[in-house]
Amino acid sequence: MATARWAPIASFLLVLPALLLLPPAASSAAMVFPLHGNPLLRDDEHGVPAKPYFLDIDTGSDLTWVECDAPC
């Protein structure tokens, strides 16, 4: 009975090295910007192939968005 009790922990310890060796995700749905002060002007490239976007981030707002040039 004691062996069955430790089985989940042993399984986790066997899988843990493989999880640590996985490469990080290639892309993320979130971006982190260092925001200080009022409006922040920033230019970034997004997409494949990369296209420049010029952002005017309003730090006093709850919502930040990027206008796309594709039909919505």
PDB file of N, CA and C in Angstrom:
ATOM      1  N   MET A   1       0.798  -1.204   0.000  1.00  0.00           N
ATOM      2  CA  MET A   1       0.000   0.000   0.000  1.00  0.00           C
ATOM      3  C   MET A   1       0.844   1.273   0.000  1.00  0.00           C
ATOM      4  N   ALA A   2       1.976   1.231   0.643  1.00  0.00           N
ATOM      5  CA  ALA A   2       2.821   2.422   0.702  1.00  0.00           C
ATOM      6  C   ALA A   2       3.354   2.782  -0.676  1.00  0.00           C
ATOM      7  N   THR A   3       3.587   1.781  -1.523  1.00  0.00           N
ATOM      8  CA  THR A   3       4.085   2.047  -2.871  1.00  0.00           C
ATOM      9  C   THR A   3       3.056   2.809  -3.685  1.00  0.00           C
ATOM     10  N   ALA A   4       1.791   2.442  -3.579  1.00  0.00           N
ATOM     11  CA  ALA A   4       0.725   3.126  -4.315  1.00  0.00           C
ATOM     12  C   ALA A   4       0.589   4.574  -3.857  1.00  0.00           C
ATOM     13  N   ARG A   5       0.871   4.825  -2.607  1.00  0.00           N
ATOM     14  CA  ARG A   5       0.758   6.180  -2.075  1.00  0.00           C
ATOM     15  C   ARG A   5       1.809   7.107  -2.684  1.00  0.00           C
ATOM     16  N   TRP A   6       2.991   6.594  -2.982  1.00  0.00           N
ATOM     17  CA  TRP A   6       4.077   7.398  -3.523  1.00  0.00           C
ATOM     18  C   TRP A   6       4.112   7.402  -5.047  1.00  0.00           C
ATOM     19  N   ALA A   7       3.264   6.640  -5.706  1.00  0.00           N
ATOM     20  CA  ALA A   7       3.288   6.536  -7.169  1.00  0.00           C
ATOM     21  C   ALA A   7       3.098   7.886  -7.865  1.00  0.00           C
ATOM     22  N   PRO A   8       2.129   8.729  -7.468  1.00  0.00           N
ATOM     23  CA  PRO A   8       1.983  10.027  -8.157  1.00  0.00           C
ATOM     24  C   PRO A   8       3.221  10.915  -8.020  1.00  0.00           C
ATOM     25  N   ILE A   9       3.841  10.890  -6.861  1.00  0.00           N
ATOM     26  CA  ILE A   9       5.033  11.714  -6.655  1.00  0.00           C
ATOM     27  C   ILE A   9       6.190  11.191  -7.499  1.00  0.00           C
ATOM     28  N   ALA A  10       6.348   9.873  -7.539  1.00  0.00           N
ATOM     29  CA  ALA A  10       7.413   9.285  -8.348  1.00  0.00           C
ATOM     30  C   ALA A  10       7.199   9.596  -9.826  1.00  0.00           C
ATOM     31  N   SER A  11       5.953   9.543 -10.293  1.00  0.00           N
ATOM     32  CA  SER A  11       5.659   9.865 -11.695  1.00  0.00           C
ATOM     33  C   SER A  11       6.024  11.311 -11.999  1.00  0.00           C
ATOM     34  N   PHE A  12       5.682  12.212 -11.090  1.00  0.00           N
ATOM     35  CA  PHE A  12       6.001  13.623 -11.289  1.00  0.00           C
ATOM     36  C   PHE A  12       7.510  13.837 -11.354  1.00  0.00           C
ATOM     37  N   LEU A  13       8.239  13.197 -10.455  1.00  0.00           N
ATOM     38  CA  LEU A  13       9.692  13.358 -10.437  1.00  0.00           C
ATOM     39  C   LEU A  13      10.345  12.782 -11.687  1.00  0.00           C
ATOM     40  N   LEU A  14       9.738  11.771 -12.293  1.00  0.00           N
ATOM     41  CA  LEU A  14      10.276  11.221 -13.533  1.00  0.00           C
ATOM     42  C   LEU A  14      10.045  12.160 -14.712  1.00  0.00           C
ATOM     43  N   VAL A  15       8.935  12.890 -14.703  1.00  0.00           N
ATOM     44  CA  VAL A  15       8.577  13.781 -15.812  1.00  0.00           C
ATOM     45  C   VAL A  15       9.233  15.154 -15.658  1.00  0.00           C
ATOM     46  N   LEU A  16       9.555  15.550 -14.459  1.00  0.00           N
ATOM     47  CA  LEU A  16      10.082  16.887 -14.189  1.00  0.00           C
ATOM     48  C   LEU A  16      11.312  17.245 -15.024  1.00  0.00           C
ATOM     49  N   PRO A  17      12.331  16.395 -15.156  1.00  0.00           N
ATOM     50  CA  PRO A  17      13.483  16.787 -15.991  1.00  0.00           C
ATOM     51  C   PRO A  17      13.104  17.067 -17.443  1.00  0.00           C
ATOM     52  N   ALA A  18      12.162  16.321 -17.985  1.00  0.00           N
ATOM     53  CA  ALA A  18      11.731  16.564 -19.366  1.00  0.00           C
ATOM     54  C   ALA A  18      11.037  17.916 -19.479  1.00  0.00           C
ATOM     55  N   LEU A  19      10.246  18.291 -18.488  1.00  0.00           N
ATOM     56  CA  LEU A  19       9.564  19.588 -18.518  1.00  0.00           C
ATOM     57  C   LEU A  19      10.562  20.740 -18.442  1.00  0.00           C
ATOM     58  N   LEU A  20      11.626  20.551 -17.691  1.00  0.00           N
ATOM     59  CA  LEU A  20      12.626  21.611 -17.561  1.00  0.00           C
ATOM     60  C   LEU A  20      13.450  21.787 -18.828  1.00  0.00           C
ATOM     61  N   LEU A  21      13.524  20.759 -19.663  1.00  0.00           N
ATOM     62  CA  LEU A  21      14.309  20.840 -20.891  1.00  0.00           C
ATOM     63  C   LEU A  21      13.513  21.350 -22.084  1.00  0.00           C
ATOM     64  N   LEU A  22      12.200  21.519 -21.933  1.00  0.00           N
ATOM     65  CA  LEU A  22      11.384  22.015 -23.041  1.00  0.00           C
ATOM     66  C   LEU A  22      11.776  23.446 -23.372  1.00  0.00           C
ATOM     67  N   PRO A  23      11.821  23.796 -24.664  1.00  0.00           N
ATOM     68  CA  PRO A  23      12.130  25.181 -25.026  1.00  0.00           C
ATOM     69  C   PRO A  23      10.950  26.082 -24.673  1.00  0.00           C
ATOM     70  N   PRO A  24      11.205  27.349 -24.407  1.00  0.00           N
ATOM     71  CA  PRO A  24      10.101  28.266 -24.118  1.00  0.00           C
ATOM     72  C   PRO A  24       9.232  28.455 -25.356  1.00  0.00           C
ATOM     73  N   ALA A  25       8.018  28.895 -25.136  1.00  0.00           N
ATOM     74  CA  ALA A  25       7.087  29.118 -26.244  1.00  0.00           C
ATOM     75  C   ALA A  25       7.660  30.156 -27.205  1.00  0.00           C
ATOM     76  N   ALA A  26       7.425  29.953 -28.499  1.00  0.00           N
ATOM     77  CA  ALA A  26       7.966  30.848 -29.521  1.00  0.00           C
ATOM     78  C   ALA A  26       7.306  32.220 -29.473  1.00  0.00           C
ATOM     79  N   SER A  27       6.046  32.259 -29.141  1.00  0.00           N
ATOM     80  CA  SER A  27       5.361  33.546 -29.092  1.00  0.00           C
ATOM     81  C   SER A  27       4.384  33.550 -27.931  1.00  0.00           C
ATOM     82  N   SER A  28       3.926  34.716 -27.611  1.00  0.00           N
ATOM     83  CA  SER A  28       3.005  34.865 -26.507  1.00  0.00           C
ATOM     84  C   SER A  28       1.882  35.796 -26.920  1.00  0.00           C
ATOM     85  N   ALA A  29       0.730  35.612 -26.318  1.00  0.00           N
ATOM     86  CA  ALA A  29      -0.399  36.474 -26.619  1.00  0.00           C
ATOM     87  C   ALA A  29      -0.335  37.765 -25.805  1.00  0.00           C
ATOM     88  N   ALA A  30       0.563  37.842 -24.860  1.00  0.00           N
ATOM     89  CA  ALA A  30       0.664  39.022 -24.011  1.00  0.00           C
ATOM     90  C   ALA A  30       2.008  39.707 -24.232  1.00  0.00           C
ATOM     91  N   MET A  31       2.003  41.012 -24.042  1.00  0.00           N
ATOM     92  CA  MET A  31       3.240  41.787 -24.134  1.00  0.00           C
ATOM     93  C   MET A  31       3.365  42.623 -22.870  1.00  0.00           C
ATOM     94  N   VAL A  32       4.573  42.868 -22.449  1.00  0.00           N
ATOM     95  CA  VAL A  32       4.823  43.687 -21.270  1.00  0.00           C
ATOM     96  C   VAL A  32       5.583  44.929 -21.710  1.00  0.00           C
ATOM     97  N   PHE A  33       5.027  46.098 -21.388  1.00  0.00           N
ATOM     98  CA  PHE A  33       5.662  47.364 -21.722  1.00  0.00           C
ATOM     99  C   PHE A  33       6.045  48.076 -20.429  1.00  0.00           C
ATOM    100  N   PRO A  34       7.224  48.675 -20.378  1.00  0.00           N
ATOM    101  CA  PRO A  34       7.559  49.498 -19.216  1.00  0.00           C
ATOM    102  C   PRO A  34       6.823  50.836 -19.335  1.00  0.00           C
ATOM    103  N   LEU A  35       5.806  51.042 -18.527  1.00  0.00           N
ATOM    104  CA  LEU A  35       4.980  52.243 -18.627  1.00  0.00           C
ATOM    105  C   LEU A  35       5.305  53.189 -17.481  1.00  0.00           C
ATOM    106  N   HIS A  36       5.638  54.418 -17.821  1.00  0.00           N
ATOM    107  CA  HIS A  36       5.926  55.448 -16.835  1.00  0.00           C
ATOM    108  C   HIS A  36       5.360  56.756 -17.358  1.00  0.00           C
ATOM    109  N   GLY A  37       4.612  57.465 -16.530  1.00  0.00           N
ATOM    110  CA  GLY A  37       4.111  58.766 -16.933  1.00  0.00           C
ATOM    111  C   GLY A  37       2.831  58.695 -17.736  1.00  0.00           C
ATOM    112  N   ASN A  38       2.592  59.736 -18.538  1.00  0.00           N
ATOM    113  CA  ASN A  38       1.371  59.824 -19.328  1.00  0.00           C
ATOM    114  C   ASN A  38       1.489  59.012 -20.612  1.00  0.00           C
ATOM    115  N   PRO A  39       1.043  59.507 -21.757  1.00  0.00           N
ATOM    116  CA  PRO A  39       1.091  58.673 -22.969  1.00  0.00           C
ATOM    117  C   PRO A  39       2.510  58.215 -23.292  1.00  0.00           C
ATOM    118  N   LEU A  40       2.609  56.978 -23.687  1.00  0.00           N
ATOM    119  CA  LEU A  40       3.888  56.394 -24.055  1.00  0.00           C
ATOM    120  C   LEU A  40       3.873  56.145 -25.549  1.00  0.00           C
ATOM    121  N   LEU A  41       4.810  56.725 -26.271  1.00  0.00           N
ATOM    122  CA  LEU A  41       4.924  56.500 -27.703  1.00  0.00           C
ATOM    123  C   LEU A  41       5.915  55.380 -27.926  1.00  0.00           C
ATOM    124  N   ARG A  42       5.511  54.389 -28.698  1.00  0.00           N
ATOM    125  CA  ARG A  42       6.367  53.220 -28.902  1.00  0.00           C
ATOM    126  C   ARG A  42       6.118  52.662 -30.288  1.00  0.00           C
ATOM    127  N   ASP A  43       7.169  52.212 -30.942  1.00  0.00           N
ATOM    128  CA  ASP A  43       7.000  51.532 -32.223  1.00  0.00           C
ATOM    129  C   ASP A  43       7.511  50.101 -32.072  1.00  0.00           C
ATOM    130  N   ASP A  44       6.698  49.161 -32.511  1.00  0.00           N
ATOM    131  CA  ASP A  44       7.013  47.738 -32.426  1.00  0.00           C
ATOM    132  C   ASP A  44       6.683  47.087 -33.747  1.00  0.00           C
ATOM    133  N   GLU A  45       7.254  45.921 -33.954  1.00  0.00           N
ATOM    134  CA  GLU A  45       6.940  45.134 -35.146  1.00  0.00           C
ATOM    135  C   GLU A  45       6.232  43.864 -34.708  1.00  0.00           C
ATOM    136  N   HIS A  46       5.113  43.558 -35.378  1.00  0.00           N
ATOM    137  CA  HIS A  46       4.304  42.393 -35.031  1.00  0.00           C
ATOM    138  C   HIS A  46       3.973  41.625 -36.292  1.00  0.00           C
ATOM    139  N   GLY A  47       3.760  40.328 -36.139  1.00  0.00           N
ATOM    140  CA  GLY A  47       3.311  39.493 -37.248  1.00  0.00           C
ATOM    141  C   GLY A  47       4.450  38.846 -37.998  1.00  0.00           C
ATOM    142  N   VAL A  48       4.048  38.003 -38.948  1.00  0.00           N
ATOM    143  CA  VAL A  48       5.011  37.310 -39.822  1.00  0.00           C
ATOM    144  C   VAL A  48       4.533  37.505 -41.241  1.00  0.00           C
ATOM    145  N   PRO A  49       5.191  38.229 -42.086  1.00  0.00           N
ATOM    146  CA  PRO A  49       6.418  38.987 -41.832  1.00  0.00           C
ATOM    147  C   PRO A  49       6.129  40.190 -40.933  1.00  0.00           C
ATOM    148  N   ALA A  50       7.136  40.633 -40.246  1.00  0.00           N
ATOM    149  CA  ALA A  50       6.969  41.723 -39.281  1.00  0.00           C
ATOM    150  C   ALA A  50       6.568  43.015 -39.980  1.00  0.00           C
ATOM    151  N   LYS A  51       5.555  43.667 -39.410  1.00  0.00           N
ATOM    152  CA  LYS A  51       5.100  44.969 -39.909  1.00  0.00           C
ATOM    153  C   LYS A  51       5.199  45.964 -38.763  1.00  0.00           C
ATOM    154  N   PRO A  52       5.630  47.192 -39.046  1.00  0.00           N
ATOM    155  CA  PRO A  52       5.754  48.173 -37.964  1.00  0.00           C
ATOM    156  C   PRO A  52       4.387  48.700 -37.523  1.00  0.00           C
ATOM    157  N   TYR A  53       4.211  48.846 -36.233  1.00  0.00           N
ATOM    158  CA  TYR A  53       3.029  49.461 -35.642  1.00  0.00           C
ATOM    159  C   TYR A  53       3.517  50.560 -34.713  1.00  0.00           C
ATOM    160  N   PHE A  54       2.896  51.719 -34.799  1.00  0.00           N
ATOM    161  CA  PHE A  54       3.253  52.843 -33.961  1.00  0.00           C
ATOM    162  C   PHE A  54       2.162  52.984 -32.908  1.00  0.00           C
ATOM    163  N   LEU A  55       2.533  52.788 -31.659  1.00  0.00           N
ATOM    164  CA  LEU A  55       1.571  52.749 -30.564  1.00  0.00           C
ATOM    165  C   LEU A  55       1.632  54.029 -29.751  1.00  0.00           C
ATOM    166  N   ASP A  56       0.471  54.523 -29.385  1.00  0.00           N
ATOM    167  CA  ASP A  56       0.331  55.630 -28.448  1.00  0.00           C
ATOM    168  C   ASP A  56      -0.425  55.050 -27.261  1.00  0.00           C
ATOM    169  N   ILE A  57       0.303  54.612 -26.258  1.00  0.00           N
ATOM    170  CA  ILE A  57      -0.303  53.908 -25.132  1.00  0.00           C
ATOM    171  C   ILE A  57      -0.724  54.931 -24.091  1.00  0.00           C
ATOM    172  N   ASP A  58      -2.013  54.954 -23.788  1.00  0.00           N
ATOM    173  CA  ASP A  58      -2.567  55.843 -22.781  1.00  0.00           C
ATOM    174  C   ASP A  58      -2.526  55.108 -21.447  1.00  0.00           C
ATOM    175  N   THR A  59      -1.631  55.514 -20.560  1.00  0.00           N
ATOM    176  CA  THR A  59      -1.478  54.803 -19.292  1.00  0.00           C
ATOM    177  C   THR A  59      -2.597  55.104 -18.310  1.00  0.00           C
ATOM    178  N   GLY A  60      -3.477  56.036 -18.637  1.00  0.00           N
ATOM    179  CA  GLY A  60      -4.598  56.337 -17.764  1.00  0.00           C
ATOM    180  C   GLY A  60      -5.846  55.565 -18.131  1.00  0.00           C
ATOM    181  N   SER A  61      -5.760  54.663 -19.085  1.00  0.00           N
ATOM    182  CA  SER A  61      -6.919  53.911 -19.561  1.00  0.00           C
ATOM    183  C   SER A  61      -6.813  52.450 -19.147  1.00  0.00           C
ATOM    184  N   ASP A  62      -7.965  51.781 -19.041  1.00  0.00           N
ATOM    185  CA  ASP A  62      -7.988  50.354 -18.722  1.00  0.00           C
ATOM    186  C   ASP A  62      -7.801  49.491 -19.958  1.00  0.00           C
ATOM    187  N   LEU A  63      -7.924  50.069 -21.149  1.00  0.00           N
ATOM    188  CA  LEU A  63      -7.887  49.289 -22.381  1.00  0.00           C
ATOM    189  C   LEU A  63      -6.818  49.838 -23.317  1.00  0.00           C
ATOM    190  N   THR A  64      -5.969  48.959 -23.812  1.00  0.00           N
ATOM    191  CA  THR A  64      -4.975  49.323 -24.820  1.00  0.00           C
ATOM    192  C   THR A  64      -5.218  48.459 -26.036  1.00  0.00           C
ATOM    193  N   TRP A  65      -5.258  49.046 -27.225  1.00  0.00           N
ATOM    194  CA  TRP A  65      -5.549  48.283 -28.436  1.00  0.00           C
ATOM    195  C   TRP A  65      -4.657  48.751 -29.563  1.00  0.00           C
ATOM    196  N   VAL A  66      -4.526  47.922 -30.565  1.00  0.00           N
ATOM    197  CA  VAL A  66      -3.750  48.227 -31.763  1.00  0.00           C
ATOM    198  C   VAL A  66      -4.690  48.124 -32.947  1.00  0.00           C
ATOM    199  N   GLU A  67      -4.768  49.188 -33.747  1.00  0.00           N
ATOM    200  CA  GLU A  67      -5.634  49.177 -34.920  1.00  0.00           C
ATOM    201  C   GLU A  67      -4.948  48.414 -36.047  1.00  0.00           C
ATOM    202  N   CYS A  68      -5.676  47.498 -36.649  1.00  0.00           N
ATOM    203  CA  CYS A  68      -5.097  46.725 -37.751  1.00  0.00           C
ATOM    204  C   CYS A  68      -5.562  47.308 -39.080  1.00  0.00           C
ATOM    205  N   ASP A  69      -4.830  47.022 -40.141  1.00  0.00           N
ATOM    206  CA  ASP A  69      -5.198  47.536 -41.458  1.00  0.00           C
ATOM    207  C   ASP A  69      -5.962  46.500 -42.276  1.00  0.00           C
ATOM    208  N   ALA A  70      -6.411  45.434 -41.637  1.00  0.00           N
ATOM    209  CA  ALA A  70      -7.191  44.397 -42.321  1.00  0.00           C
ATOM    210  C   ALA A  70      -8.674  44.637 -42.068  1.00  0.00           C
ATOM    211  N   PRO A  71      -9.537  44.162 -42.976  1.00  0.00           N
ATOM    212  CA  PRO A  71     -10.971  44.298 -42.725  1.00  0.00           C
ATOM    213  C   PRO A  71     -11.374  43.511 -41.481  1.00  0.00           C
ATOM    214  N   CYS A  72     -12.182  44.108 -40.661  1.00  0.00           N
ATOM    215  CA  CYS A  72     -12.600  43.440 -39.418  1.00  0.00           C
ATOM    216  C   CYS A  72     -13.980  42.832 -39.550  1.00  0.00           C
TER     217      CYS A  72
END
